[in-house]
Amino acid sequence: MSAKRPAYVIAEVEVTDPAVFQEYVAQAIPTLQQYNARIVVRAKPDTKEGARAVGDIVIAVFESMEDAQSWYHAAEYTAAISVRQRAAKTRLMIVEGEPV
C-alpha cells in the first residue's frame, strides 16, 4: 500500500489593488473546499538567502497532485484567476510533497 503524496500550491503574492484582491479572495477561497484543500500559510516571509520575496507567501495543501491540478483548472477557479491577475503580481507553483 502506497502512502498519499500531498501537493502544495505555493504563491508569492504582491497585492497591487487591495479592493479587487478582496474580490479574488471571496471567489477563490470557497473553491478549495470541494478539493479538500486549505490554506496553511499566509504571511510575509523572513528571507534568509537569495532574493527577498516582494509579497506575501501563501501555501495551500491538497491531498494529491491530481486534486491540486483539478482545482487550478476548474471553471470556478479559472474565473477567479483573471481577477487575481488584475489585483496582484503573482508567482504560483504546484509541488508534490513527500508521502504522509
C-alpha atoms as a PDB file:
ATOM      1  CA  MET A   1       0.000   0.000   0.000  1.00  0.00           C
ATOM      2  CA  SER A   2       1.484   3.346  -1.028  1.00  0.00           C
ATOM      3  CA  ALA A   3       1.052   6.464   1.066  1.00  0.00           C
ATOM      4  CA  LYS A   4      -0.657   9.507  -0.342  1.00  0.00           C
ATOM      5  CA  ARG A   5       1.565  12.281  -1.617  1.00  0.00           C
ATOM      6  CA  PRO A   6       0.131  15.687  -0.753  1.00  0.00           C
ATOM      7  CA  ALA A   7       0.519  18.620  -3.114  1.00  0.00           C
ATOM      8  CA  TYR A   8       1.140  22.230  -2.233  1.00  0.00           C
ATOM      9  CA  VAL A   9       0.149  25.336  -4.122  1.00  0.00           C
ATOM     10  CA  ILE A  10       2.769  27.948  -3.283  1.00  0.00           C
ATOM     11  CA  ALA A  11       2.299  31.547  -4.323  1.00  0.00           C
ATOM     12  CA  GLU A  12       4.188  34.762  -3.837  1.00  0.00           C
ATOM     13  CA  VAL A  13       1.553  37.479  -3.997  1.00  0.00           C
ATOM     14  CA  GLU A  14       2.215  41.206  -4.236  1.00  0.00           C
ATOM     15  CA  VAL A  15      -1.178  42.890  -3.982  1.00  0.00           C
ATOM     16  CA  THR A  16      -1.434  45.968  -6.198  1.00  0.00           C
ATOM     17  CA  ASP A  17      -5.177  46.655  -5.841  1.00  0.00           C
ATOM     18  CA  PRO A  18      -6.463  45.632  -2.392  1.00  0.00           C
ATOM     19  CA  ALA A  19     -10.166  46.149  -3.207  1.00  0.00           C
ATOM     20  CA  VAL A  20     -10.055  43.938  -6.296  1.00  0.00           C
ATOM     21  CA  PHE A  21      -7.896  41.416  -4.447  1.00  0.00           C
ATOM     22  CA  GLN A  22     -10.674  41.037  -1.867  1.00  0.00           C
ATOM     23  CA  GLU A  23     -12.998  40.091  -4.747  1.00  0.00           C
ATOM     24  CA  TYR A  24     -10.495  37.405  -5.722  1.00  0.00           C
ATOM     25  CA  VAL A  25     -10.307  36.071  -2.160  1.00  0.00           C
ATOM     26  CA  ALA A  26     -14.115  35.947  -1.960  1.00  0.00           C
ATOM     27  CA  GLN A  27     -14.222  33.914  -5.186  1.00  0.00           C
ATOM     28  CA  ALA A  28     -11.158  31.715  -4.679  1.00  0.00           C
ATOM     29  CA  ILE A  29     -11.342  30.541  -1.070  1.00  0.00           C
ATOM     30  CA  PRO A  30     -14.686  28.708  -1.438  1.00  0.00           C
ATOM     31  CA  THR A  31     -13.281  26.744  -4.405  1.00  0.00           C
ATOM     32  CA  LEU A  32     -10.777  24.990  -2.134  1.00  0.00           C
ATOM     33  CA  GLN A  33     -13.394  23.121  -0.109  1.00  0.00           C
ATOM     34  CA  GLN A  34     -14.574  20.743  -2.826  1.00  0.00           C
ATOM     35  CA  TYR A  35     -10.941  19.663  -3.354  1.00  0.00           C
ATOM     36  CA  ASN A  36     -10.382  19.050   0.379  1.00  0.00           C
ATOM     37  CA  ALA A  37      -7.761  21.790   0.445  1.00  0.00           C
ATOM     38  CA  ARG A  38      -6.949  24.506   2.923  1.00  0.00           C
ATOM     39  CA  ILE A  39      -4.647  27.465   3.313  1.00  0.00           C
ATOM     40  CA  VAL A  40      -1.858  26.603   5.778  1.00  0.00           C
ATOM     41  CA  VAL A  41       0.328  29.721   5.434  1.00  0.00           C
ATOM     42  CA  ARG A  42      -0.324  33.344   4.529  1.00  0.00           C
ATOM     43  CA  ALA A  43       2.419  35.671   5.732  1.00  0.00           C
ATOM     44  CA  LYS A  44       5.422  37.775   4.851  1.00  0.00           C
ATOM     45  CA  PRO A  45       8.487  35.506   4.768  1.00  0.00           C
ATOM     46  CA  ASP A  46      11.677  36.016   6.729  1.00  0.00           C
ATOM     47  CA  THR A  47      14.078  35.622   3.803  1.00  0.00           C
ATOM     48  CA  LYS A  48      17.441  34.155   4.835  1.00  0.00           C
ATOM     49  CA  GLU A  49      19.056  33.576   1.432  1.00  0.00           C
ATOM     50  CA  GLY A  50      18.507  34.740  -2.127  1.00  0.00           C
ATOM     51  CA  ALA A  51      16.267  37.493  -3.381  1.00  0.00           C
ATOM     52  CA  ARG A  52      13.818  38.877  -0.869  1.00  0.00           C
ATOM     53  CA  ALA A  53      10.181  37.984  -1.562  1.00  0.00           C
ATOM     54  CA  VAL A  54       8.207  41.013  -2.685  1.00  0.00           C
ATOM     55  CA  GLY A  55       4.802  39.947  -1.396  1.00  0.00           C
ATOM     56  CA  ASP A  56       3.220  37.504   0.993  1.00  0.00           C
ATOM     57  CA  ILE A  57       3.741  33.767   0.679  1.00  0.00           C
ATOM     58  CA  VAL A  58       0.557  31.699   0.519  1.00  0.00           C
ATOM     59  CA  ILE A  59       0.596  27.905   0.788  1.00  0.00           C
ATOM     60  CA  ALA A  60      -2.438  25.684   0.301  1.00  0.00           C
ATOM     61  CA  VAL A  61      -2.286  21.938   0.894  1.00  0.00           C
ATOM     62  CA  PHE A  62      -4.185  19.362  -1.178  1.00  0.00           C
ATOM     63  CA  GLU A  63      -4.465  15.610  -0.648  1.00  0.00           C
ATOM     64  CA  SER A  64      -2.844  14.894  -4.025  1.00  0.00           C
ATOM     65  CA  MET A  65      -1.306  16.476  -7.119  1.00  0.00           C
ATOM     66  CA  GLU A  66      -4.396  15.389  -9.045  1.00  0.00           C
ATOM     67  CA  ASP A  67      -6.623  17.359  -6.648  1.00  0.00           C
ATOM     68  CA  ALA A  68      -4.392  20.445  -6.899  1.00  0.00           C
ATOM     69  CA  GLN A  69      -4.338  20.316 -10.701  1.00  0.00           C
ATOM     70  CA  SER A  70      -8.092  19.736 -10.871  1.00  0.00           C
ATOM     71  CA  TRP A  71      -8.685  22.739  -8.613  1.00  0.00           C
ATOM     72  CA  TYR A  72      -6.390  25.014 -10.620  1.00  0.00           C
ATOM     73  CA  HIS A  73      -8.102  24.095 -13.908  1.00  0.00           C
ATOM     74  CA  ALA A  74     -11.683  24.062 -12.539  1.00  0.00           C
ATOM     75  CA  ALA A  75     -14.023  26.616 -14.105  1.00  0.00           C
ATOM     76  CA  GLU A  76     -14.805  28.141 -10.700  1.00  0.00           C
ATOM     77  CA  TYR A  77     -11.157  28.856 -10.003  1.00  0.00           C
ATOM     78  CA  THR A  78     -10.099  29.861 -13.500  1.00  0.00           C
ATOM     79  CA  ALA A  79     -12.758  32.593 -13.324  1.00  0.00           C
ATOM     80  CA  ALA A  80     -11.012  33.926 -10.211  1.00  0.00           C
ATOM     81  CA  ILE A  81      -7.558  33.858 -11.817  1.00  0.00           C
ATOM     82  CA  SER A  82      -8.294  36.838 -14.062  1.00  0.00           C
ATOM     83  CA  VAL A  83      -9.474  38.807 -11.018  1.00  0.00           C
ATOM     84  CA  ARG A  84      -6.246  37.965  -9.171  1.00  0.00           C
ATOM     85  CA  GLN A  85      -4.154  38.942 -12.170  1.00  0.00           C
ATOM     86  CA  ARG A  86      -5.795  42.385 -12.184  1.00  0.00           C
ATOM     87  CA  ALA A  87      -5.178  42.817  -8.445  1.00  0.00           C
ATOM     88  CA  ALA A  88      -1.733  41.327  -7.811  1.00  0.00           C
ATOM     89  CA  LYS A  89       1.599  40.279  -9.225  1.00  0.00           C
ATOM     90  CA  THR A  90       1.874  36.571  -8.523  1.00  0.00           C
ATOM     91  CA  ARG A  91       4.308  33.697  -8.899  1.00  0.00           C
ATOM     92  CA  LEU A  92       2.362  30.450  -8.411  1.00  0.00           C
ATOM     93  CA  MET A  93       3.574  26.869  -8.477  1.00  0.00           C
ATOM     94  CA  ILE A  94       2.296  23.429  -7.519  1.00  0.00           C
ATOM     95  CA  VAL A  95       4.694  20.937  -5.946  1.00  0.00           C
ATOM     96  CA  GLU A  96       4.197  17.370  -4.818  1.00  0.00           C
ATOM     97  CA  GLY A  97       5.206  16.606  -1.257  1.00  0.00           C
ATOM     98  CA  GLU A  98       6.555  13.568   0.492  1.00  0.00           C
ATOM     99  CA  PRO A  99       4.184  10.691   1.321  1.00  0.00           C
ATOM    100  CA  VAL A 100       2.285  11.023   4.579  1.00  0.00           C
END
